[in-house]
Amino acid sequence: MQTRGIVLSALYAVLTALAARISVPLGAVPVTLQVLVVLLSGFLLGKKLGALSQVAYIAMGLFGFPVFTTGGGIQSVLSPTFGYILGFVPMAWCAGRLTEGERPGFARYLLAGVASVAVLYAAGATFLLWNMTWIVGKPIGVVRVIQIGVLPFIVVDAVKAVVAASFAWKIRPRLRAGRE
C-alpha cells in the first residue's frame, strides 16, 4: 500500500470523526454528516482505502478517542446504535466497489450511494435488534427497529447521497487527472 493511500485513509478517518461533531438531534439518535463523509471515502478513495479509513475511525473510537457522537472507548460496543458505526466499513466498501471504473456517471454514483446507505441500515438495524434483545433485554421486533432505526433517517440520508454523488461525479475526474 502506498504512503499516499494510507495518508488519505487517515484523513477520511479524521473527517468522519469531525462529521460526528456536526449533529442535529432527531429522536434518540442525532443526524450527523458522517454518512456523507463515508460515502465520499468510498467514492473517492475506492473500496479498499475507503473501508480502511472507516476501520481506522472505529479503532480510534474504541481506543478511547472521543470520535463517536457519544464519545469513545470500548464500552461503545454496548450502545444500541454501534452497529451503524460498524456499518461504515461495508458502506464505504460498497460505495467504492459500485463506482469502480474509468468515469462513472452521476446516476451510477447516486445508485451506489443509495445501495451503500441500505447496507448501512442493514448493519445498524440488525445490531440494534440484537442489542435490544440480548444486551438491553427488551426485544422490540423488526418493525419497531425499522421505525426507530431507519425510517426517520431515509430522507436526510437520501439528500446526503445526492450531495456525495454530485461532489464525487464532479471532483473525482479532477483528482485522477492530478495523479497523472
N, C-alpha and C. Protein backbone atom coordinates (compact mmCIF):
# COMPACT_ATOMS: atom_id res chain seq x y z
N MET A 1 0.85 -1.18 0.00
CA MET A 1 0.00 0.00 0.00
C MET A 1 0.89 1.24 0.00
N GLN A 2 0.56 2.19 -0.83
CA GLN A 2 1.36 3.39 -0.95
C GLN A 2 1.11 4.35 0.21
N THR A 3 2.11 5.15 0.49
CA THR A 3 2.01 6.14 1.56
C THR A 3 0.84 7.08 1.31
N ARG A 4 0.64 7.47 0.07
CA ARG A 4 -0.46 8.38 -0.27
C ARG A 4 -1.81 7.79 0.14
N GLY A 5 -2.01 6.51 -0.11
CA GLY A 5 -3.26 5.84 0.25
C GLY A 5 -3.47 5.79 1.75
N ILE A 6 -2.40 5.53 2.48
CA ILE A 6 -2.51 5.49 3.94
C ILE A 6 -2.85 6.87 4.49
N VAL A 7 -2.21 7.88 3.96
CA VAL A 7 -2.48 9.25 4.41
C VAL A 7 -3.92 9.65 4.10
N LEU A 8 -4.39 9.32 2.90
CA LEU A 8 -5.77 9.66 2.54
C LEU A 8 -6.78 8.90 3.41
N SER A 9 -6.48 7.64 3.71
CA SER A 9 -7.36 6.87 4.60
C SER A 9 -7.41 7.51 5.98
N ALA A 10 -6.26 7.91 6.49
CA ALA A 10 -6.21 8.58 7.80
C ALA A 10 -6.99 9.90 7.76
N LEU A 11 -6.85 10.63 6.66
CA LEU A 11 -7.58 11.88 6.51
C LEU A 11 -9.09 11.65 6.57
N TYR A 12 -9.58 10.63 5.87
CA TYR A 12 -11.02 10.36 5.90
C TYR A 12 -11.48 9.83 7.25
N ALA A 13 -10.61 9.15 7.98
CA ALA A 13 -10.95 8.74 9.34
C ALA A 13 -11.17 9.98 10.22
N VAL A 14 -10.28 10.95 10.08
CA VAL A 14 -10.40 12.19 10.84
C VAL A 14 -11.64 12.97 10.38
N LEU A 15 -11.89 13.03 9.07
CA LEU A 15 -13.08 13.72 8.57
C LEU A 15 -14.36 13.07 9.10
N THR A 16 -14.37 11.75 9.21
CA THR A 16 -15.53 11.06 9.77
C THR A 16 -15.71 11.45 11.23
N ALA A 17 -14.61 11.55 11.96
CA ALA A 17 -14.69 11.97 13.36
C ALA A 17 -15.21 13.40 13.48
N LEU A 18 -14.73 14.28 12.62
CA LEU A 18 -15.22 15.67 12.63
C LEU A 18 -16.70 15.73 12.25
N ALA A 19 -17.10 14.90 11.31
CA ALA A 19 -18.51 14.88 10.88
C ALA A 19 -19.43 14.41 12.00
N ALA A 20 -18.91 13.63 12.94
CA ALA A 20 -19.70 13.18 14.09
C ALA A 20 -20.03 14.35 15.01
N ARG A 21 -19.20 15.36 14.97
CA ARG A 21 -19.39 16.54 15.84
C ARG A 21 -20.44 17.50 15.30
N ILE A 22 -20.75 17.38 14.03
CA ILE A 22 -21.79 18.22 13.43
C ILE A 22 -23.07 17.41 13.47
N SER A 23 -23.88 17.64 14.50
CA SER A 23 -25.05 16.80 14.68
C SER A 23 -26.29 17.61 15.04
N VAL A 24 -27.42 17.06 14.61
CA VAL A 24 -28.73 17.63 14.92
C VAL A 24 -29.56 16.51 15.54
N PRO A 25 -30.09 16.72 16.75
CA PRO A 25 -30.89 15.66 17.37
C PRO A 25 -32.14 15.35 16.55
N LEU A 26 -32.37 14.06 16.36
CA LEU A 26 -33.58 13.58 15.68
C LEU A 26 -34.02 12.33 16.43
N GLY A 27 -34.81 12.54 17.47
CA GLY A 27 -35.19 11.41 18.30
C GLY A 27 -34.01 11.00 19.17
N ALA A 28 -33.84 9.69 19.35
CA ALA A 28 -32.79 9.17 20.22
C ALA A 28 -31.41 9.23 19.58
N VAL A 29 -31.37 9.33 18.25
CA VAL A 29 -30.09 9.30 17.54
C VAL A 29 -29.93 10.59 16.75
N PRO A 30 -28.81 11.28 16.91
CA PRO A 30 -28.62 12.53 16.16
C PRO A 30 -28.30 12.26 14.69
N VAL A 31 -28.65 13.23 13.86
CA VAL A 31 -28.27 13.19 12.45
C VAL A 31 -26.93 13.90 12.35
N THR A 32 -25.96 13.24 11.71
CA THR A 32 -24.63 13.82 11.55
C THR A 32 -24.28 13.86 10.06
N LEU A 33 -23.12 14.37 9.76
CA LEU A 33 -22.63 14.39 8.38
C LEU A 33 -21.77 13.16 8.06
N GLN A 34 -21.75 12.19 8.98
CA GLN A 34 -20.90 11.02 8.78
C GLN A 34 -21.27 10.23 7.53
N VAL A 35 -22.54 10.05 7.26
CA VAL A 35 -22.95 9.29 6.08
C VAL A 35 -22.37 9.93 4.81
N LEU A 36 -22.40 11.23 4.74
CA LEU A 36 -21.84 11.95 3.60
C LEU A 36 -20.34 11.67 3.46
N VAL A 37 -19.61 11.76 4.56
CA VAL A 37 -18.16 11.54 4.53
C VAL A 37 -17.83 10.09 4.20
N VAL A 38 -18.59 9.15 4.76
CA VAL A 38 -18.32 7.74 4.49
C VAL A 38 -18.56 7.43 3.01
N LEU A 39 -19.64 7.97 2.45
CA LEU A 39 -19.88 7.78 1.01
C LEU A 39 -18.72 8.34 0.20
N LEU A 40 -18.28 9.53 0.54
CA LEU A 40 -17.16 10.14 -0.19
C LEU A 40 -15.88 9.34 -0.03
N SER A 41 -15.68 8.73 1.13
CA SER A 41 -14.47 7.92 1.30
C SER A 41 -14.47 6.76 0.31
N GLY A 42 -15.61 6.13 0.11
CA GLY A 42 -15.68 5.05 -0.86
C GLY A 42 -15.60 5.55 -2.29
N PHE A 43 -16.34 6.61 -2.58
CA PHE A 43 -16.36 7.16 -3.94
C PHE A 43 -14.98 7.64 -4.39
N LEU A 44 -14.28 8.33 -3.51
CA LEU A 44 -13.03 8.99 -3.92
C LEU A 44 -11.77 8.16 -3.64
N LEU A 45 -11.81 7.31 -2.61
CA LEU A 45 -10.63 6.50 -2.30
C LEU A 45 -10.71 5.10 -2.88
N GLY A 46 -11.91 4.65 -3.19
CA GLY A 46 -12.08 3.29 -3.66
C GLY A 46 -12.48 2.36 -2.52
N LYS A 47 -12.81 1.14 -2.87
CA LYS A 47 -13.35 0.21 -1.88
C LYS A 47 -12.38 -0.11 -0.75
N LYS A 48 -11.13 -0.39 -1.08
CA LYS A 48 -10.18 -0.81 -0.04
C LYS A 48 -9.79 0.33 0.89
N LEU A 49 -9.36 1.45 0.31
CA LEU A 49 -8.93 2.57 1.14
C LEU A 49 -10.12 3.22 1.85
N GLY A 50 -11.28 3.25 1.20
CA GLY A 50 -12.47 3.79 1.85
C GLY A 50 -12.83 2.97 3.08
N ALA A 51 -12.85 1.64 2.92
CA ALA A 51 -13.14 0.76 4.06
C ALA A 51 -12.06 0.89 5.14
N LEU A 52 -10.80 0.97 4.70
CA LEU A 52 -9.70 1.13 5.66
C LEU A 52 -9.86 2.41 6.48
N SER A 53 -10.31 3.48 5.84
CA SER A 53 -10.49 4.74 6.56
C SER A 53 -11.52 4.58 7.68
N GLN A 54 -12.54 3.78 7.43
CA GLN A 54 -13.57 3.59 8.44
C GLN A 54 -13.13 2.61 9.53
N VAL A 55 -12.30 1.64 9.18
CA VAL A 55 -11.70 0.78 10.20
C VAL A 55 -10.84 1.63 11.13
N ALA A 56 -10.08 2.55 10.56
CA ALA A 56 -9.24 3.45 11.37
C ALA A 56 -10.10 4.33 12.27
N TYR A 57 -11.20 4.82 11.73
CA TYR A 57 -12.12 5.64 12.53
C TYR A 57 -12.65 4.85 13.73
N ILE A 58 -13.10 3.63 13.47
CA ILE A 58 -13.62 2.79 14.55
C ILE A 58 -12.54 2.48 15.57
N ALA A 59 -11.34 2.18 15.10
CA ALA A 59 -10.22 1.88 16.00
C ALA A 59 -9.92 3.07 16.90
N MET A 60 -9.93 4.28 16.33
CA MET A 60 -9.68 5.48 17.15
C MET A 60 -10.71 5.56 18.27
N GLY A 61 -11.97 5.33 17.92
CA GLY A 61 -13.02 5.41 18.93
C GLY A 61 -12.91 4.32 19.99
N LEU A 62 -12.61 3.11 19.58
CA LEU A 62 -12.50 2.00 20.54
C LEU A 62 -11.27 2.15 21.43
N PHE A 63 -10.24 2.82 20.93
CA PHE A 63 -9.05 3.07 21.75
C PHE A 63 -9.26 4.23 22.72
N GLY A 64 -10.44 4.83 22.70
CA GLY A 64 -10.77 5.84 23.70
C GLY A 64 -10.80 7.27 23.21
N PHE A 65 -10.42 7.52 21.97
CA PHE A 65 -10.51 8.88 21.46
C PHE A 65 -11.99 9.23 21.29
N PRO A 66 -12.39 10.43 21.67
CA PRO A 66 -13.82 10.79 21.63
C PRO A 66 -14.29 11.16 20.22
N VAL A 67 -14.27 10.19 19.31
CA VAL A 67 -14.60 10.46 17.92
C VAL A 67 -16.03 10.07 17.56
N PHE A 68 -16.68 9.28 18.40
CA PHE A 68 -18.08 8.93 18.15
C PHE A 68 -18.97 10.06 18.66
N THR A 69 -20.21 10.10 18.22
CA THR A 69 -21.10 11.17 18.68
C THR A 69 -21.30 11.11 20.19
N THR A 70 -21.12 9.93 20.78
CA THR A 70 -21.29 9.76 22.22
C THR A 70 -19.95 9.69 22.96
N GLY A 71 -18.86 9.96 22.29
CA GLY A 71 -17.54 9.90 22.92
C GLY A 71 -16.68 8.82 22.31
N GLY A 72 -16.17 7.95 23.13
CA GLY A 72 -15.32 6.86 22.66
C GLY A 72 -15.04 5.89 23.77
N GLY A 73 -14.33 4.83 23.45
CA GLY A 73 -13.99 3.81 24.42
C GLY A 73 -14.61 2.47 24.06
N ILE A 74 -14.07 1.42 24.62
CA ILE A 74 -14.52 0.07 24.31
C ILE A 74 -15.98 -0.15 24.71
N GLN A 75 -16.46 0.57 25.70
CA GLN A 75 -17.85 0.43 26.13
C GLN A 75 -18.84 0.85 25.03
N SER A 76 -18.36 1.52 24.02
CA SER A 76 -19.22 1.95 22.91
C SER A 76 -19.86 0.77 22.20
N VAL A 77 -19.21 -0.40 22.24
CA VAL A 77 -19.78 -1.57 21.57
C VAL A 77 -21.10 -2.00 22.21
N LEU A 78 -21.38 -1.55 23.42
CA LEU A 78 -22.63 -1.90 24.09
C LEU A 78 -23.78 -0.98 23.71
N SER A 79 -23.48 0.09 23.00
CA SER A 79 -24.52 1.03 22.59
C SER A 79 -25.42 0.38 21.54
N PRO A 80 -26.74 0.57 21.66
CA PRO A 80 -27.65 0.00 20.66
C PRO A 80 -27.39 0.49 19.24
N THR A 81 -26.75 1.64 19.09
CA THR A 81 -26.52 2.20 17.76
C THR A 81 -25.11 1.93 17.23
N PHE A 82 -24.33 1.14 17.94
CA PHE A 82 -22.95 0.88 17.50
C PHE A 82 -22.91 0.15 16.16
N GLY A 83 -23.94 -0.57 15.83
CA GLY A 83 -23.99 -1.27 14.54
C GLY A 83 -23.94 -0.33 13.35
N TYR A 84 -24.45 0.88 13.53
CA TYR A 84 -24.37 1.85 12.44
C TYR A 84 -22.92 2.28 12.23
N ILE A 85 -22.17 2.41 13.32
CA ILE A 85 -20.75 2.73 13.20
C ILE A 85 -20.01 1.58 12.51
N LEU A 86 -20.30 0.35 12.94
CA LEU A 86 -19.69 -0.81 12.28
C LEU A 86 -20.07 -0.86 10.80
N GLY A 87 -21.29 -0.42 10.50
CA GLY A 87 -21.78 -0.42 9.12
C GLY A 87 -21.04 0.54 8.21
N PHE A 88 -20.27 1.46 8.77
CA PHE A 88 -19.49 2.38 7.94
C PHE A 88 -18.48 1.64 7.07
N VAL A 89 -17.94 0.55 7.58
CA VAL A 89 -16.91 -0.20 6.83
C VAL A 89 -17.51 -0.81 5.56
N PRO A 90 -18.56 -1.64 5.66
CA PRO A 90 -19.13 -2.17 4.42
C PRO A 90 -19.78 -1.10 3.55
N MET A 91 -20.26 -0.03 4.17
CA MET A 91 -20.85 1.07 3.40
C MET A 91 -19.80 1.71 2.49
N ALA A 92 -18.63 2.04 3.05
CA ALA A 92 -17.56 2.64 2.25
C ALA A 92 -17.08 1.67 1.18
N TRP A 93 -16.95 0.39 1.55
CA TRP A 93 -16.52 -0.62 0.58
C TRP A 93 -17.51 -0.71 -0.57
N CYS A 94 -18.79 -0.75 -0.24
CA CYS A 94 -19.84 -0.83 -1.27
C CYS A 94 -19.81 0.39 -2.19
N ALA A 95 -19.69 1.58 -1.59
CA ALA A 95 -19.64 2.81 -2.40
C ALA A 95 -18.46 2.78 -3.37
N GLY A 96 -17.31 2.30 -2.90
CA GLY A 96 -16.14 2.21 -3.76
C GLY A 96 -16.28 1.13 -4.82
N ARG A 97 -16.81 0.00 -4.43
CA ARG A 97 -16.96 -1.13 -5.36
C ARG A 97 -17.93 -0.80 -6.49
N LEU A 98 -19.03 -0.14 -6.16
CA LEU A 98 -20.06 0.14 -7.15
C LEU A 98 -19.71 1.30 -8.08
N THR A 99 -18.65 2.03 -7.75
CA THR A 99 -18.25 3.15 -8.62
C THR A 99 -16.85 2.95 -9.20
N GLU A 100 -16.39 1.72 -9.20
CA GLU A 100 -15.10 1.44 -9.83
C GLU A 100 -15.21 1.68 -11.33
N GLY A 101 -14.11 1.95 -11.92
CA GLY A 101 -14.10 2.14 -13.37
C GLY A 101 -13.56 3.50 -13.75
N GLU A 102 -13.49 3.71 -15.03
CA GLU A 102 -12.89 4.93 -15.56
C GLU A 102 -13.62 6.20 -15.14
N ARG A 103 -14.88 6.31 -15.48
CA ARG A 103 -15.59 7.54 -15.17
C ARG A 103 -17.09 7.26 -14.98
N PRO A 104 -17.48 6.87 -13.77
CA PRO A 104 -18.89 6.62 -13.54
C PRO A 104 -19.71 7.89 -13.70
N GLY A 105 -20.93 7.74 -14.17
CA GLY A 105 -21.82 8.88 -14.32
C GLY A 105 -22.52 9.21 -13.01
N PHE A 106 -23.21 10.33 -13.00
CA PHE A 106 -23.93 10.76 -11.80
C PHE A 106 -24.93 9.70 -11.35
N ALA A 107 -25.67 9.10 -12.27
CA ALA A 107 -26.68 8.10 -11.90
C ALA A 107 -26.03 6.92 -11.19
N ARG A 108 -24.87 6.52 -11.66
CA ARG A 108 -24.18 5.39 -11.02
C ARG A 108 -23.74 5.76 -9.61
N TYR A 109 -23.23 6.96 -9.42
CA TYR A 109 -22.88 7.41 -8.07
C TYR A 109 -24.11 7.44 -7.18
N LEU A 110 -25.20 7.96 -7.70
CA LEU A 110 -26.41 8.06 -6.89
C LEU A 110 -26.93 6.69 -6.50
N LEU A 111 -27.00 5.77 -7.46
CA LEU A 111 -27.45 4.41 -7.15
C LEU A 111 -26.50 3.73 -6.17
N ALA A 112 -25.21 3.95 -6.34
CA ALA A 112 -24.23 3.39 -5.41
C ALA A 112 -24.42 3.97 -4.01
N GLY A 113 -24.72 5.26 -3.95
CA GLY A 113 -24.97 5.90 -2.66
C GLY A 113 -26.18 5.33 -1.96
N VAL A 114 -27.26 5.14 -2.71
CA VAL A 114 -28.49 4.57 -2.13
C VAL A 114 -28.23 3.13 -1.67
N ALA A 115 -27.57 2.35 -2.50
CA ALA A 115 -27.26 0.96 -2.13
C ALA A 115 -26.36 0.92 -0.89
N SER A 116 -25.40 1.81 -0.83
CA SER A 116 -24.48 1.84 0.31
C SER A 116 -25.18 2.24 1.60
N VAL A 117 -26.10 3.18 1.50
CA VAL A 117 -26.90 3.55 2.67
C VAL A 117 -27.77 2.37 3.11
N ALA A 118 -28.29 1.62 2.16
CA ALA A 118 -29.07 0.42 2.51
C ALA A 118 -28.21 -0.60 3.26
N VAL A 119 -26.95 -0.73 2.85
CA VAL A 119 -26.01 -1.61 3.56
C VAL A 119 -25.82 -1.12 5.00
N LEU A 120 -25.67 0.18 5.15
CA LEU A 120 -25.53 0.77 6.48
C LEU A 120 -26.75 0.47 7.34
N TYR A 121 -27.93 0.68 6.77
CA TYR A 121 -29.17 0.42 7.51
C TYR A 121 -29.29 -1.05 7.91
N ALA A 122 -28.91 -1.94 7.01
CA ALA A 122 -28.99 -3.37 7.32
C ALA A 122 -28.08 -3.72 8.50
N ALA A 123 -26.85 -3.20 8.47
CA ALA A 123 -25.92 -3.47 9.57
C ALA A 123 -26.41 -2.84 10.88
N GLY A 124 -26.80 -1.59 10.80
CA GLY A 124 -27.22 -0.88 12.00
C GLY A 124 -28.48 -1.44 12.61
N ALA A 125 -29.48 -1.71 11.78
CA ALA A 125 -30.76 -2.23 12.28
C ALA A 125 -30.59 -3.64 12.85
N THR A 126 -29.76 -4.45 12.22
CA THR A 126 -29.51 -5.80 12.72
C THR A 126 -28.87 -5.74 14.10
N PHE A 127 -27.87 -4.89 14.25
CA PHE A 127 -27.19 -4.75 15.54
C PHE A 127 -28.14 -4.17 16.58
N LEU A 128 -28.96 -3.21 16.18
CA LEU A 128 -29.93 -2.61 17.09
C LEU A 128 -30.91 -3.67 17.61
N LEU A 129 -31.41 -4.49 16.73
CA LEU A 129 -32.33 -5.56 17.11
C LEU A 129 -31.64 -6.53 18.07
N TRP A 130 -30.42 -6.94 17.72
CA TRP A 130 -29.66 -7.85 18.58
C TRP A 130 -29.38 -7.23 19.94
N ASN A 131 -28.94 -5.98 19.95
CA ASN A 131 -28.60 -5.30 21.19
C ASN A 131 -29.81 -5.15 22.10
N MET A 132 -30.92 -4.71 21.56
CA MET A 132 -32.12 -4.52 22.38
C MET A 132 -32.61 -5.86 22.95
N THR A 133 -32.46 -6.92 22.19
CA THR A 133 -32.92 -8.23 22.64
C THR A 133 -31.97 -8.85 23.66
N TRP A 134 -30.67 -8.87 23.36
CA TRP A 134 -29.73 -9.62 24.18
C TRP A 134 -28.95 -8.79 25.19
N ILE A 135 -28.70 -7.54 24.93
CA ILE A 135 -27.93 -6.71 25.87
C ILE A 135 -28.88 -5.94 26.79
N VAL A 136 -29.82 -5.22 26.20
CA VAL A 136 -30.76 -4.43 26.99
C VAL A 136 -31.83 -5.32 27.61
N GLY A 137 -32.16 -6.40 26.92
CA GLY A 137 -33.18 -7.32 27.44
C GLY A 137 -34.60 -6.87 27.19
N LYS A 138 -34.79 -6.05 26.16
CA LYS A 138 -36.12 -5.55 25.81
C LYS A 138 -36.36 -5.77 24.31
N PRO A 139 -36.75 -6.99 23.92
CA PRO A 139 -36.99 -7.23 22.50
C PRO A 139 -38.02 -6.26 21.94
N ILE A 140 -37.71 -5.68 20.78
CA ILE A 140 -38.62 -4.68 20.22
C ILE A 140 -39.17 -5.08 18.86
N GLY A 141 -38.66 -6.10 18.25
CA GLY A 141 -39.19 -6.56 16.97
C GLY A 141 -38.64 -5.80 15.78
N VAL A 142 -38.69 -6.45 14.63
CA VAL A 142 -38.13 -5.91 13.40
C VAL A 142 -38.85 -4.63 12.96
N VAL A 143 -40.17 -4.63 13.03
CA VAL A 143 -40.93 -3.45 12.59
C VAL A 143 -40.56 -2.23 13.43
N ARG A 144 -40.46 -2.41 14.72
CA ARG A 144 -40.11 -1.28 15.59
C ARG A 144 -38.67 -0.81 15.33
N VAL A 145 -37.77 -1.74 15.07
CA VAL A 145 -36.39 -1.37 14.75
C VAL A 145 -36.37 -0.52 13.49
N ILE A 146 -37.12 -0.89 12.49
CA ILE A 146 -37.18 -0.10 11.25
C ILE A 146 -37.80 1.27 11.52
N GLN A 147 -38.82 1.30 12.38
CA GLN A 147 -39.46 2.57 12.71
C GLN A 147 -38.52 3.54 13.40
N ILE A 148 -37.66 3.04 14.27
CA ILE A 148 -36.78 3.95 15.02
C ILE A 148 -35.37 4.04 14.46
N GLY A 149 -34.92 3.02 13.73
CA GLY A 149 -33.54 3.00 13.28
C GLY A 149 -33.33 3.23 11.80
N VAL A 150 -34.42 3.31 11.02
CA VAL A 150 -34.29 3.51 9.57
C VAL A 150 -35.17 4.65 9.07
N LEU A 151 -36.46 4.52 9.28
CA LEU A 151 -37.42 5.47 8.68
C LEU A 151 -37.14 6.94 8.97
N PRO A 152 -36.78 7.31 10.21
CA PRO A 152 -36.54 8.75 10.46
C PRO A 152 -35.36 9.34 9.67
N PHE A 153 -34.51 8.48 9.13
CA PHE A 153 -33.27 8.95 8.52
C PHE A 153 -33.25 8.86 7.00
N ILE A 154 -34.26 8.24 6.41
CA ILE A 154 -34.24 7.99 4.97
C ILE A 154 -34.13 9.27 4.15
N VAL A 155 -34.94 10.24 4.44
CA VAL A 155 -34.94 11.47 3.63
C VAL A 155 -33.61 12.21 3.75
N VAL A 156 -33.14 12.39 4.97
CA VAL A 156 -31.89 13.14 5.16
C VAL A 156 -30.70 12.38 4.58
N ASP A 157 -30.71 11.06 4.67
CA ASP A 157 -29.61 10.28 4.08
C ASP A 157 -29.70 10.25 2.56
N ALA A 158 -30.90 10.33 2.02
CA ALA A 158 -31.06 10.42 0.56
C ALA A 158 -30.46 11.74 0.06
N VAL A 159 -30.68 12.81 0.81
CA VAL A 159 -30.09 14.10 0.45
C VAL A 159 -28.56 14.01 0.51
N LYS A 160 -28.03 13.35 1.54
CA LYS A 160 -26.58 13.19 1.65
C LYS A 160 -26.04 12.37 0.47
N ALA A 161 -26.80 11.35 0.05
CA ALA A 161 -26.38 10.54 -1.10
C ALA A 161 -26.33 11.39 -2.37
N VAL A 162 -27.30 12.27 -2.55
CA VAL A 162 -27.31 13.16 -3.72
C VAL A 162 -26.12 14.11 -3.67
N VAL A 163 -25.85 14.68 -2.51
CA VAL A 163 -24.72 15.60 -2.37
C VAL A 163 -23.40 14.87 -2.62
N ALA A 164 -23.23 13.70 -2.02
CA ALA A 164 -22.00 12.93 -2.21
C ALA A 164 -21.83 12.53 -3.67
N ALA A 165 -22.91 12.09 -4.30
CA ALA A 165 -22.85 11.69 -5.71
C ALA A 165 -22.46 12.88 -6.59
N SER A 166 -23.07 14.02 -6.34
CA SER A 166 -22.77 15.23 -7.11
C SER A 166 -21.30 15.63 -6.96
N PHE A 167 -20.85 15.63 -5.72
CA PHE A 167 -19.47 16.03 -5.45
C PHE A 167 -18.50 15.06 -6.10
N ALA A 168 -18.70 13.77 -5.89
CA ALA A 168 -17.78 12.77 -6.44
C ALA A 168 -17.77 12.79 -7.96
N TRP A 169 -18.93 12.96 -8.55
CA TRP A 169 -19.05 12.99 -10.01
C TRP A 169 -18.24 14.14 -10.60
N LYS A 170 -18.26 15.28 -9.92
CA LYS A 170 -17.53 16.46 -10.40
C LYS A 170 -16.04 16.41 -10.05
N ILE A 171 -15.71 15.95 -8.84
CA ILE A 171 -14.32 16.08 -8.37
C ILE A 171 -13.44 14.89 -8.70
N ARG A 172 -13.99 13.69 -8.78
CA ARG A 172 -13.15 12.51 -9.00
C ARG A 172 -12.33 12.57 -10.29
N PRO A 173 -12.91 13.02 -11.41
CA PRO A 173 -12.07 13.12 -12.62
C PRO A 173 -10.89 14.08 -12.43
N ARG A 174 -11.09 15.12 -11.67
CA ARG A 174 -10.02 16.09 -11.43
C ARG A 174 -8.95 15.50 -10.52
N LEU A 175 -9.37 14.68 -9.56
CA LEU A 175 -8.40 14.03 -8.69
C LEU A 175 -7.52 13.05 -9.45
N ARG A 176 -8.14 12.30 -10.34
CA ARG A 176 -7.38 11.34 -11.16
C ARG A 176 -6.44 12.07 -12.12
N ALA A 177 -6.88 13.20 -12.66
CA ALA A 177 -6.04 13.97 -13.59
C ALA A 177 -4.82 14.51 -12.83
N GLY A 178 -4.98 14.85 -11.56
CA GLY A 178 -3.88 15.38 -10.77
C GLY A 178 -2.82 14.34 -10.46
N ARG A 179 -3.20 13.05 -10.51
CA ARG A 179 -2.25 11.98 -10.23
C ARG A 179 -1.39 11.64 -11.45
N GLU A 180 -1.81 12.05 -12.61
CA GLU A 180 -1.10 11.68 -13.85
C GLU A 180 -0.01 12.65 -14.19
